[in-house]
Amino acid sequence: MEFKIAKNGKIELLYYCAMRIDKNGVYKGQEMHESVVPERVKARIIDTGYFIGEQYAAAGYRGYYDVDFVAAKNGEMYVTESNARRTGGTHMYKAAVELIGRDFMIDSYTLSNNDYMLPNNIKPSFEKVLEILTPVLYDRKAKEGVLLASSNLLEQSKFAYVVFGRNEKRSLEIENSMEQLLAKLQ
């Protein structure tokens, strides 16, 4: 989850998210929505995040920070680290606020992946990726679709994206359609 400490020392929760893991246990990005963390857990981790922020603020720190947690098999949540900077979900958050609005955690189910490997080690141009993904690109009117997060990664045969959908099922459908289109790249 990411917070911001204002100049006056006031702490603001910006968002919380969950890490996406594929069936092999490999990191697959993040997801943001009010439902990604159970209510009981959410209250605890948010309280912990504010407590850590109070320590930062008391020491004079102003700016962004995050707090990362891991869930143990027994269901307990443990802090793994805190970073005094913007983090891996910041671009998702900024895009969601701009494109969906302040209530993005309710109004949209957001997925991201900054390390999607393109098929056959190809290195397509940004224009080619835009062309092939036209059917699933973000539509401002529908407030759904794929947003390309970086053109630089294409040189490494990787693709970074954010998907917005009205719910989890719809976001996964859009992501699946995107993957099918990217599989056609040569």
N, C-alpha and C. Protein backbone atom coordinates (compact mmCIF):
# COMPACT_ATOMS: atom_id res chain seq x y z
N MET A 1 0.85 -1.16 0.00
CA MET A 1 0.00 0.00 0.00
C MET A 1 0.89 1.23 0.00
N GLU A 2 0.38 2.30 -0.57
CA GLU A 2 1.19 3.52 -0.67
C GLU A 2 0.48 4.67 0.03
N PHE A 3 1.28 5.48 0.71
CA PHE A 3 0.80 6.64 1.46
C PHE A 3 1.58 7.88 1.02
N LYS A 4 1.08 9.04 1.46
CA LYS A 4 1.80 10.29 1.25
C LYS A 4 1.71 11.11 2.53
N ILE A 5 2.86 11.63 2.94
CA ILE A 5 2.90 12.53 4.10
C ILE A 5 3.01 13.95 3.56
N ALA A 6 2.00 14.75 3.84
CA ALA A 6 1.96 16.13 3.36
C ALA A 6 2.96 17.00 4.14
N LYS A 7 3.18 18.22 3.64
CA LYS A 7 4.11 19.15 4.30
C LYS A 7 3.74 19.40 5.75
N ASN A 8 2.44 19.39 6.05
CA ASN A 8 2.00 19.63 7.43
C ASN A 8 2.06 18.37 8.30
N GLY A 9 2.52 17.26 7.73
CA GLY A 9 2.66 16.01 8.48
C GLY A 9 1.45 15.10 8.42
N LYS A 10 0.38 15.54 7.75
CA LYS A 10 -0.82 14.71 7.63
C LYS A 10 -0.54 13.53 6.69
N ILE A 11 -0.99 12.35 7.10
CA ILE A 11 -0.76 11.12 6.35
C ILE A 11 -2.02 10.76 5.56
N GLU A 12 -1.84 10.43 4.29
CA GLU A 12 -2.97 10.05 3.44
C GLU A 12 -2.69 8.70 2.80
N LEU A 13 -3.64 7.76 2.93
CA LEU A 13 -3.56 6.49 2.22
C LEU A 13 -3.95 6.74 0.78
N LEU A 14 -3.08 6.38 -0.17
CA LEU A 14 -3.39 6.57 -1.58
C LEU A 14 -4.09 5.34 -2.16
N TYR A 15 -3.56 4.16 -1.88
CA TYR A 15 -4.16 2.93 -2.39
C TYR A 15 -3.54 1.73 -1.69
N TYR A 16 -4.21 0.61 -1.83
CA TYR A 16 -3.64 -0.68 -1.45
C TYR A 16 -3.84 -1.60 -2.64
N CYS A 17 -3.06 -2.63 -2.72
CA CYS A 17 -3.15 -3.54 -3.85
C CYS A 17 -2.70 -4.93 -3.41
N ALA A 18 -2.85 -5.88 -4.30
CA ALA A 18 -2.40 -7.25 -4.05
C ALA A 18 -1.47 -7.67 -5.18
N MET A 19 -0.52 -8.48 -4.84
CA MET A 19 0.41 -9.00 -5.83
C MET A 19 -0.26 -10.16 -6.58
N ARG A 20 -0.06 -10.19 -7.88
CA ARG A 20 -0.57 -11.29 -8.70
C ARG A 20 0.55 -12.32 -8.86
N ILE A 21 0.21 -13.57 -8.67
CA ILE A 21 1.16 -14.67 -8.78
C ILE A 21 0.58 -15.67 -9.77
N ASP A 22 1.40 -16.15 -10.73
CA ASP A 22 0.90 -17.15 -11.67
C ASP A 22 0.89 -18.53 -11.01
N LYS A 23 0.42 -19.53 -11.75
CA LYS A 23 0.27 -20.88 -11.18
C LYS A 23 1.58 -21.50 -10.74
N ASN A 24 2.71 -20.98 -11.23
CA ASN A 24 4.03 -21.47 -10.83
C ASN A 24 4.64 -20.67 -9.69
N GLY A 25 3.88 -19.71 -9.15
CA GLY A 25 4.37 -18.90 -8.04
C GLY A 25 5.25 -17.74 -8.47
N VAL A 26 5.19 -17.37 -9.75
CA VAL A 26 6.00 -16.28 -10.29
C VAL A 26 5.18 -14.99 -10.29
N TYR A 27 5.82 -13.89 -9.91
CA TYR A 27 5.19 -12.57 -9.88
C TYR A 27 4.59 -12.22 -11.24
N LYS A 28 3.35 -11.77 -11.23
CA LYS A 28 2.64 -11.45 -12.47
C LYS A 28 2.04 -10.05 -12.45
N GLY A 29 2.46 -9.21 -11.55
CA GLY A 29 1.93 -7.85 -11.52
C GLY A 29 1.12 -7.59 -10.26
N GLN A 30 0.22 -6.62 -10.37
CA GLN A 30 -0.58 -6.20 -9.22
C GLN A 30 -2.04 -6.06 -9.62
N GLU A 31 -2.89 -6.04 -8.62
CA GLU A 31 -4.31 -5.77 -8.84
C GLU A 31 -4.80 -4.81 -7.77
N MET A 32 -5.65 -3.87 -8.19
CA MET A 32 -6.21 -2.87 -7.28
C MET A 32 -7.73 -2.89 -7.38
N HIS A 33 -8.34 -3.02 -6.24
CA HIS A 33 -9.79 -2.92 -6.10
C HIS A 33 -10.08 -3.04 -4.62
N GLU A 34 -11.20 -2.51 -4.18
CA GLU A 34 -11.52 -2.58 -2.76
C GLU A 34 -11.62 -4.01 -2.25
N SER A 35 -11.85 -4.97 -3.15
CA SER A 35 -12.06 -6.36 -2.75
C SER A 35 -10.79 -7.22 -2.72
N VAL A 36 -9.63 -6.68 -3.08
CA VAL A 36 -8.43 -7.53 -3.19
C VAL A 36 -7.86 -7.96 -1.84
N VAL A 37 -8.28 -7.30 -0.78
CA VAL A 37 -7.83 -7.65 0.57
C VAL A 37 -9.08 -7.78 1.45
N PRO A 38 -9.21 -8.90 2.19
CA PRO A 38 -10.38 -9.06 3.07
C PRO A 38 -10.46 -7.91 4.09
N GLU A 39 -11.67 -7.53 4.46
CA GLU A 39 -11.90 -6.39 5.35
C GLU A 39 -11.10 -6.47 6.65
N ARG A 40 -11.08 -7.63 7.30
CA ARG A 40 -10.37 -7.79 8.56
C ARG A 40 -8.88 -7.53 8.39
N VAL A 41 -8.32 -8.06 7.31
CA VAL A 41 -6.90 -7.87 7.02
C VAL A 41 -6.63 -6.42 6.63
N LYS A 42 -7.52 -5.86 5.83
CA LYS A 42 -7.37 -4.48 5.36
C LYS A 42 -7.24 -3.51 6.54
N ALA A 43 -8.11 -3.65 7.52
CA ALA A 43 -8.08 -2.75 8.68
C ALA A 43 -6.73 -2.85 9.39
N ARG A 44 -6.23 -4.04 9.54
CA ARG A 44 -4.96 -4.23 10.24
C ARG A 44 -3.78 -3.66 9.49
N ILE A 45 -3.73 -3.92 8.19
CA ILE A 45 -2.56 -3.43 7.44
C ILE A 45 -2.61 -1.91 7.26
N ILE A 46 -3.80 -1.35 7.13
CA ILE A 46 -3.91 0.11 7.02
C ILE A 46 -3.47 0.76 8.33
N ASP A 47 -3.93 0.21 9.45
CA ASP A 47 -3.49 0.74 10.76
C ASP A 47 -1.97 0.68 10.88
N THR A 48 -1.38 -0.42 10.47
CA THR A 48 0.08 -0.59 10.53
C THR A 48 0.76 0.42 9.62
N GLY A 49 0.20 0.63 8.44
CA GLY A 49 0.77 1.61 7.50
C GLY A 49 0.76 3.02 8.07
N TYR A 50 -0.34 3.39 8.73
CA TYR A 50 -0.40 4.71 9.37
C TYR A 50 0.60 4.81 10.52
N PHE A 51 0.73 3.74 11.30
CA PHE A 51 1.69 3.75 12.40
C PHE A 51 3.11 3.97 11.89
N ILE A 52 3.47 3.29 10.82
CA ILE A 52 4.80 3.48 10.23
C ILE A 52 4.95 4.90 9.71
N GLY A 53 3.89 5.43 9.10
CA GLY A 53 3.91 6.81 8.62
C GLY A 53 4.09 7.82 9.73
N GLU A 54 3.49 7.55 10.87
CA GLU A 54 3.66 8.44 12.02
C GLU A 54 5.12 8.50 12.46
N GLN A 55 5.82 7.37 12.35
CA GLN A 55 7.24 7.34 12.71
C GLN A 55 8.05 8.15 11.70
N TYR A 56 7.74 7.99 10.42
CA TYR A 56 8.40 8.79 9.37
C TYR A 56 8.16 10.28 9.60
N ALA A 57 6.88 10.64 9.81
CA ALA A 57 6.51 12.05 9.99
C ALA A 57 7.20 12.65 11.21
N ALA A 58 7.25 11.89 12.31
CA ALA A 58 7.89 12.39 13.53
C ALA A 58 9.38 12.63 13.32
N ALA A 59 9.98 11.85 12.41
CA ALA A 59 11.40 12.02 12.10
C ALA A 59 11.64 13.14 11.09
N GLY A 60 10.54 13.76 10.59
CA GLY A 60 10.67 14.87 9.66
C GLY A 60 10.49 14.52 8.19
N TYR A 61 10.24 13.25 7.88
CA TYR A 61 10.07 12.85 6.48
C TYR A 61 8.75 13.38 5.93
N ARG A 62 8.79 13.87 4.69
CA ARG A 62 7.60 14.29 3.96
C ARG A 62 7.71 13.69 2.57
N GLY A 63 6.62 13.14 2.08
CA GLY A 63 6.62 12.55 0.75
C GLY A 63 5.94 11.19 0.75
N TYR A 64 6.23 10.42 -0.27
CA TYR A 64 5.59 9.12 -0.47
C TYR A 64 6.33 8.03 0.28
N TYR A 65 5.57 7.02 0.69
CA TYR A 65 6.16 5.81 1.25
C TYR A 65 5.19 4.66 1.04
N ASP A 66 5.73 3.46 1.03
CA ASP A 66 4.88 2.29 0.95
C ASP A 66 5.22 1.33 2.07
N VAL A 67 4.31 0.41 2.30
CA VAL A 67 4.53 -0.65 3.27
C VAL A 67 4.09 -1.94 2.59
N ASP A 68 5.00 -2.92 2.55
CA ASP A 68 4.71 -4.21 1.94
C ASP A 68 4.50 -5.26 3.03
N PHE A 69 3.57 -6.15 2.78
CA PHE A 69 3.23 -7.20 3.72
C PHE A 69 3.30 -8.55 3.03
N VAL A 70 3.44 -9.58 3.83
CA VAL A 70 3.34 -10.96 3.35
C VAL A 70 2.42 -11.69 4.32
N ALA A 71 1.61 -12.58 3.76
CA ALA A 71 0.70 -13.37 4.59
C ALA A 71 1.35 -14.71 4.90
N ALA A 72 1.36 -15.07 6.18
CA ALA A 72 1.88 -16.37 6.59
C ALA A 72 0.79 -17.42 6.40
N LYS A 73 1.18 -18.68 6.43
CA LYS A 73 0.22 -19.77 6.27
C LYS A 73 -0.87 -19.73 7.34
N ASN A 74 -0.54 -19.19 8.50
CA ASN A 74 -1.52 -19.12 9.58
C ASN A 74 -2.45 -17.90 9.46
N GLY A 75 -2.29 -17.13 8.38
CA GLY A 75 -3.15 -15.98 8.14
C GLY A 75 -2.64 -14.67 8.70
N GLU A 76 -1.59 -14.72 9.50
CA GLU A 76 -1.01 -13.49 10.05
C GLU A 76 -0.34 -12.68 8.95
N MET A 77 -0.37 -11.36 9.10
CA MET A 77 0.27 -10.46 8.14
C MET A 77 1.54 -9.92 8.79
N TYR A 78 2.62 -9.89 8.02
CA TYR A 78 3.90 -9.39 8.50
C TYR A 78 4.44 -8.33 7.56
N VAL A 79 4.96 -7.25 8.11
CA VAL A 79 5.61 -6.22 7.31
C VAL A 79 6.92 -6.79 6.79
N THR A 80 7.15 -6.67 5.48
CA THR A 80 8.42 -7.13 4.91
C THR A 80 9.37 -5.98 4.65
N GLU A 81 8.80 -4.82 4.28
CA GLU A 81 9.64 -3.65 4.05
C GLU A 81 8.78 -2.41 3.92
N SER A 82 9.44 -1.26 4.01
CA SER A 82 8.81 0.01 3.73
C SER A 82 9.81 0.83 2.94
N ASN A 83 9.33 1.48 1.91
CA ASN A 83 10.19 2.29 1.04
C ASN A 83 9.76 3.74 1.09
N ALA A 84 10.69 4.63 1.31
CA ALA A 84 10.41 6.07 1.35
C ALA A 84 10.57 6.62 -0.07
N ARG A 85 9.64 6.24 -0.93
CA ARG A 85 9.65 6.65 -2.34
C ARG A 85 8.35 6.17 -2.99
N ARG A 86 8.16 6.57 -4.21
CA ARG A 86 7.05 6.01 -4.99
C ARG A 86 7.43 4.59 -5.37
N THR A 87 6.44 3.76 -5.64
CA THR A 87 6.74 2.34 -5.82
C THR A 87 6.10 1.76 -7.07
N GLY A 88 6.14 0.43 -7.18
CA GLY A 88 5.70 -0.28 -8.38
C GLY A 88 4.25 -0.08 -8.77
N GLY A 89 3.40 0.32 -7.85
CA GLY A 89 2.00 0.54 -8.19
C GLY A 89 1.63 1.99 -8.43
N THR A 90 2.61 2.88 -8.29
CA THR A 90 2.31 4.31 -8.41
C THR A 90 1.73 4.66 -9.78
N HIS A 91 2.29 4.10 -10.85
CA HIS A 91 1.77 4.43 -12.18
C HIS A 91 0.33 3.94 -12.35
N MET A 92 -0.01 2.80 -11.75
CA MET A 92 -1.39 2.30 -11.78
C MET A 92 -2.31 3.29 -11.06
N TYR A 93 -1.88 3.69 -9.89
CA TYR A 93 -2.67 4.62 -9.08
C TYR A 93 -2.90 5.93 -9.84
N LYS A 94 -1.83 6.51 -10.36
CA LYS A 94 -1.95 7.80 -11.06
C LYS A 94 -2.87 7.67 -12.28
N ALA A 95 -2.71 6.60 -13.05
CA ALA A 95 -3.55 6.39 -14.23
C ALA A 95 -5.00 6.19 -13.82
N ALA A 96 -5.24 5.42 -12.75
CA ALA A 96 -6.60 5.15 -12.30
C ALA A 96 -7.30 6.43 -11.84
N VAL A 97 -6.60 7.27 -11.08
CA VAL A 97 -7.20 8.52 -10.63
C VAL A 97 -7.54 9.40 -11.83
N GLU A 98 -6.63 9.48 -12.78
CA GLU A 98 -6.84 10.32 -13.96
C GLU A 98 -7.96 9.79 -14.86
N LEU A 99 -7.97 8.47 -15.11
CA LEU A 99 -8.90 7.91 -16.09
C LEU A 99 -10.23 7.44 -15.51
N ILE A 100 -10.22 7.00 -14.27
CA ILE A 100 -11.44 6.47 -13.65
C ILE A 100 -12.02 7.46 -12.65
N GLY A 101 -11.15 8.10 -11.87
CA GLY A 101 -11.60 9.07 -10.87
C GLY A 101 -11.16 8.65 -9.48
N ARG A 102 -11.44 9.51 -8.51
CA ARG A 102 -11.02 9.28 -7.12
C ARG A 102 -11.58 7.99 -6.54
N ASP A 103 -12.73 7.53 -7.04
CA ASP A 103 -13.35 6.31 -6.53
C ASP A 103 -12.93 5.07 -7.33
N PHE A 104 -11.75 5.11 -7.93
CA PHE A 104 -11.28 4.02 -8.79
C PHE A 104 -11.26 2.67 -8.06
N MET A 105 -11.03 2.67 -6.74
CA MET A 105 -10.96 1.41 -6.00
C MET A 105 -12.33 0.72 -5.95
N ILE A 106 -13.39 1.45 -6.21
CA ILE A 106 -14.75 0.92 -6.24
C ILE A 106 -15.22 0.77 -7.68
N ASP A 107 -14.92 1.76 -8.52
CA ASP A 107 -15.49 1.85 -9.86
C ASP A 107 -14.77 1.01 -10.92
N SER A 108 -13.59 0.50 -10.62
CA SER A 108 -12.83 -0.24 -11.62
C SER A 108 -11.98 -1.31 -10.95
N TYR A 109 -11.80 -2.41 -11.65
CA TYR A 109 -10.87 -3.46 -11.20
C TYR A 109 -9.64 -3.32 -12.07
N THR A 110 -8.52 -3.01 -11.47
CA THR A 110 -7.31 -2.66 -12.20
C THR A 110 -6.24 -3.73 -12.04
N LEU A 111 -5.68 -4.16 -13.17
CA LEU A 111 -4.60 -5.15 -13.20
C LEU A 111 -3.39 -4.52 -13.85
N SER A 112 -2.20 -4.97 -13.47
CA SER A 112 -1.00 -4.51 -14.17
C SER A 112 0.01 -5.63 -14.27
N ASN A 113 0.91 -5.46 -15.20
CA ASN A 113 2.08 -6.33 -15.33
C ASN A 113 3.15 -5.50 -16.00
N ASN A 114 4.29 -5.35 -15.36
CA ASN A 114 5.39 -4.57 -15.93
C ASN A 114 6.47 -5.45 -16.54
N ASP A 115 6.20 -6.75 -16.61
CA ASP A 115 7.23 -7.68 -17.05
C ASP A 115 6.66 -8.80 -17.91
N TYR A 116 5.67 -8.49 -18.73
CA TYR A 116 5.05 -9.50 -19.59
C TYR A 116 6.01 -9.82 -20.74
N MET A 117 6.38 -11.09 -20.84
CA MET A 117 7.31 -11.51 -21.89
C MET A 117 6.56 -11.70 -23.21
N LEU A 118 7.05 -11.05 -24.26
CA LEU A 118 6.43 -11.18 -25.57
C LEU A 118 6.83 -12.51 -26.20
N PRO A 119 5.97 -13.07 -27.06
CA PRO A 119 6.26 -14.38 -27.65
C PRO A 119 7.46 -14.35 -28.60
N ASN A 120 8.15 -15.46 -28.65
CA ASN A 120 9.25 -15.67 -29.61
C ASN A 120 10.36 -14.64 -29.53
N ASN A 121 10.52 -14.01 -28.37
CA ASN A 121 11.59 -13.03 -28.17
C ASN A 121 11.54 -11.87 -29.17
N ILE A 122 10.34 -11.55 -29.66
CA ILE A 122 10.21 -10.49 -30.65
C ILE A 122 10.37 -9.13 -30.00
N LYS A 123 10.75 -8.15 -30.81
CA LYS A 123 10.93 -6.78 -30.35
C LYS A 123 10.18 -5.85 -31.29
N PRO A 124 8.84 -5.83 -31.16
CA PRO A 124 8.03 -5.03 -32.08
C PRO A 124 8.15 -3.53 -31.80
N SER A 125 7.79 -2.75 -32.79
CA SER A 125 7.76 -1.31 -32.58
C SER A 125 6.52 -0.96 -31.74
N PHE A 126 6.58 0.19 -31.12
CA PHE A 126 5.44 0.67 -30.33
C PHE A 126 4.22 0.81 -31.23
N GLU A 127 4.43 1.30 -32.43
CA GLU A 127 3.33 1.49 -33.38
C GLU A 127 2.67 0.16 -33.72
N LYS A 128 3.47 -0.90 -33.89
CA LYS A 128 2.94 -2.23 -34.21
C LYS A 128 2.10 -2.75 -33.04
N VAL A 129 2.57 -2.55 -31.83
CA VAL A 129 1.82 -3.00 -30.65
C VAL A 129 0.50 -2.24 -30.55
N LEU A 130 0.53 -0.93 -30.76
CA LEU A 130 -0.70 -0.14 -30.75
C LEU A 130 -1.68 -0.65 -31.80
N GLU A 131 -1.16 -0.93 -32.98
CA GLU A 131 -2.01 -1.40 -34.08
C GLU A 131 -2.69 -2.72 -33.73
N ILE A 132 -1.91 -3.68 -33.25
CA ILE A 132 -2.47 -5.01 -32.98
C ILE A 132 -3.42 -5.01 -31.78
N LEU A 133 -3.19 -4.09 -30.84
CA LEU A 133 -4.03 -4.04 -29.64
C LEU A 133 -5.22 -3.09 -29.76
N THR A 134 -5.42 -2.49 -30.91
CA THR A 134 -6.52 -1.54 -31.10
C THR A 134 -7.86 -2.03 -30.54
N PRO A 135 -8.23 -3.30 -30.75
CA PRO A 135 -9.55 -3.75 -30.23
C PRO A 135 -9.69 -3.71 -28.71
N VAL A 136 -8.58 -3.71 -27.98
CA VAL A 136 -8.67 -3.76 -26.52
C VAL A 136 -8.07 -2.54 -25.83
N LEU A 137 -7.64 -1.53 -26.60
CA LEU A 137 -7.06 -0.35 -25.98
C LEU A 137 -8.09 0.39 -25.13
N TYR A 138 -7.60 1.13 -24.15
CA TYR A 138 -8.47 1.85 -23.23
C TYR A 138 -9.42 2.77 -23.98
N ASP A 139 -10.69 2.68 -23.60
CA ASP A 139 -11.76 3.51 -24.18
C ASP A 139 -12.26 4.44 -23.08
N ARG A 140 -12.07 5.75 -23.26
CA ARG A 140 -12.45 6.72 -22.23
C ARG A 140 -13.95 6.69 -21.93
N LYS A 141 -14.76 6.43 -22.93
CA LYS A 141 -16.20 6.42 -22.72
C LYS A 141 -16.62 5.21 -21.87
N ALA A 142 -16.10 4.03 -22.21
CA ALA A 142 -16.44 2.81 -21.47
C ALA A 142 -15.66 2.69 -20.17
N LYS A 143 -14.55 3.43 -20.07
CA LYS A 143 -13.64 3.37 -18.93
C LYS A 143 -13.12 1.95 -18.72
N GLU A 144 -12.80 1.29 -19.84
CA GLU A 144 -12.25 -0.06 -19.83
C GLU A 144 -11.20 -0.20 -20.91
N GLY A 145 -10.31 -1.15 -20.72
CA GLY A 145 -9.34 -1.48 -21.75
C GLY A 145 -7.91 -1.48 -21.24
N VAL A 146 -6.99 -1.66 -22.20
CA VAL A 146 -5.57 -1.77 -21.91
C VAL A 146 -4.88 -0.43 -22.12
N LEU A 147 -4.05 -0.08 -21.17
CA LEU A 147 -3.22 1.12 -21.25
C LEU A 147 -1.77 0.64 -21.32
N LEU A 148 -1.05 1.07 -22.34
CA LEU A 148 0.36 0.70 -22.47
C LEU A 148 1.16 1.55 -21.49
N ALA A 149 2.00 0.90 -20.68
CA ALA A 149 2.71 1.61 -19.62
C ALA A 149 4.12 2.01 -20.00
N SER A 150 4.69 1.39 -21.03
CA SER A 150 6.07 1.71 -21.40
C SER A 150 6.34 1.25 -22.82
N SER A 151 7.06 2.06 -23.56
CA SER A 151 7.51 1.63 -24.89
C SER A 151 8.94 1.10 -24.83
N ASN A 152 9.71 1.53 -23.83
CA ASN A 152 11.12 1.15 -23.73
C ASN A 152 11.34 -0.34 -23.54
N LEU A 153 10.43 -1.01 -22.84
CA LEU A 153 10.60 -2.43 -22.56
C LEU A 153 10.47 -3.30 -23.81
N LEU A 154 9.85 -2.77 -24.86
CA LEU A 154 9.69 -3.56 -26.08
C LEU A 154 11.04 -4.00 -26.65
N GLU A 155 12.08 -3.20 -26.44
CA GLU A 155 13.44 -3.55 -26.88
C GLU A 155 13.99 -4.76 -26.15
N GLN A 156 13.37 -5.10 -25.02
CA GLN A 156 13.80 -6.26 -24.23
C GLN A 156 12.81 -7.43 -24.39
N SER A 157 11.95 -7.34 -25.40
CA SER A 157 10.90 -8.33 -25.64
C SER A 157 9.93 -8.43 -24.47
N LYS A 158 9.70 -7.31 -23.80
CA LYS A 158 8.77 -7.25 -22.68
C LYS A 158 7.71 -6.19 -22.95
N PHE A 159 6.65 -6.31 -22.24
CA PHE A 159 5.52 -5.40 -22.41
C PHE A 159 4.98 -5.03 -21.02
N ALA A 160 4.73 -3.75 -20.81
CA ALA A 160 4.17 -3.27 -19.54
C ALA A 160 2.79 -2.67 -19.83
N TYR A 161 1.82 -3.06 -19.00
CA TYR A 161 0.45 -2.60 -19.25
C TYR A 161 -0.34 -2.47 -17.96
N VAL A 162 -1.45 -1.75 -18.09
CA VAL A 162 -2.47 -1.65 -17.04
C VAL A 162 -3.80 -1.95 -17.72
N VAL A 163 -4.62 -2.76 -17.07
CA VAL A 163 -5.95 -3.10 -17.59
C VAL A 163 -7.00 -2.55 -16.63
N PHE A 164 -7.99 -1.88 -17.19
CA PHE A 164 -9.13 -1.39 -16.42
C PHE A 164 -10.38 -2.13 -16.90
N GLY A 165 -11.16 -2.63 -15.95
CA GLY A 165 -12.43 -3.28 -16.26
C GLY A 165 -13.43 -2.96 -15.16
N ARG A 166 -14.70 -3.13 -15.44
CA ARG A 166 -15.73 -2.77 -14.45
C ARG A 166 -15.74 -3.72 -13.25
N ASN A 167 -15.17 -4.92 -13.43
CA ASN A 167 -15.06 -5.89 -12.34
C ASN A 167 -13.91 -6.84 -12.65
N GLU A 168 -13.62 -7.76 -11.73
CA GLU A 168 -12.48 -8.66 -11.92
C GLU A 168 -12.66 -9.52 -13.17
N LYS A 169 -13.84 -10.08 -13.35
CA LYS A 169 -14.09 -10.94 -14.51
C LYS A 169 -13.82 -10.18 -15.81
N ARG A 170 -14.33 -8.98 -15.90
CA ARG A 170 -14.16 -8.18 -17.13
C ARG A 170 -12.69 -7.82 -17.35
N SER A 171 -11.96 -7.46 -16.30
CA SER A 171 -10.54 -7.14 -16.44
C SER A 171 -9.76 -8.35 -16.94
N LEU A 172 -10.08 -9.53 -16.40
CA LEU A 172 -9.39 -10.75 -16.84
C LEU A 172 -9.74 -11.09 -18.29
N GLU A 173 -10.97 -10.82 -18.71
CA GLU A 173 -11.37 -11.04 -20.11
C GLU A 173 -10.56 -10.12 -21.04
N ILE A 174 -10.45 -8.86 -20.65
CA ILE A 174 -9.68 -7.90 -21.46
C ILE A 174 -8.22 -8.33 -21.53
N GLU A 175 -7.65 -8.73 -20.39
CA GLU A 175 -6.26 -9.16 -20.36
C GLU A 175 -6.06 -10.40 -21.24
N ASN A 176 -6.98 -11.35 -21.18
CA ASN A 176 -6.89 -12.55 -22.00
C ASN A 176 -6.95 -12.20 -23.49
N SER A 177 -7.86 -11.31 -23.87
CA SER A 177 -7.95 -10.86 -25.27
C SER A 177 -6.65 -10.20 -25.70
N MET A 178 -6.07 -9.38 -24.82
CA MET A 178 -4.79 -8.72 -25.11
C MET A 178 -3.71 -9.76 -25.37
N GLU A 179 -3.64 -10.79 -24.51
CA GLU A 179 -2.62 -11.83 -24.66
C GLU A 179 -2.79 -12.58 -25.97
N GLN A 180 -4.04 -12.85 -26.36
CA GLN A 180 -4.30 -13.53 -27.63
C GLN A 180 -3.85 -12.67 -28.81
N LEU A 181 -4.08 -11.38 -28.74
CA LEU A 181 -3.64 -10.48 -29.81
C LEU A 181 -2.11 -10.41 -29.86
N LEU A 182 -1.46 -10.30 -28.70
CA LEU A 182 0.00 -10.23 -28.66
C LEU A 182 0.64 -11.51 -29.18
N ALA A 183 -0.04 -12.64 -29.03
CA ALA A 183 0.48 -13.92 -29.53
C ALA A 183 0.59 -13.93 -31.05
N LYS A 184 -0.13 -13.03 -31.70
CA LYS A 184 -0.10 -12.94 -33.18
C LYS A 184 1.08 -12.13 -33.70
N LEU A 185 1.77 -11.44 -32.80
CA LEU A 185 2.93 -10.63 -33.22
C LEU A 185 4.02 -11.51 -33.82
N GLN A 186 4.64 -11.02 -34.88
CA GLN A 186 5.75 -11.76 -35.50
C GLN A 186 6.91 -10.84 -35.75
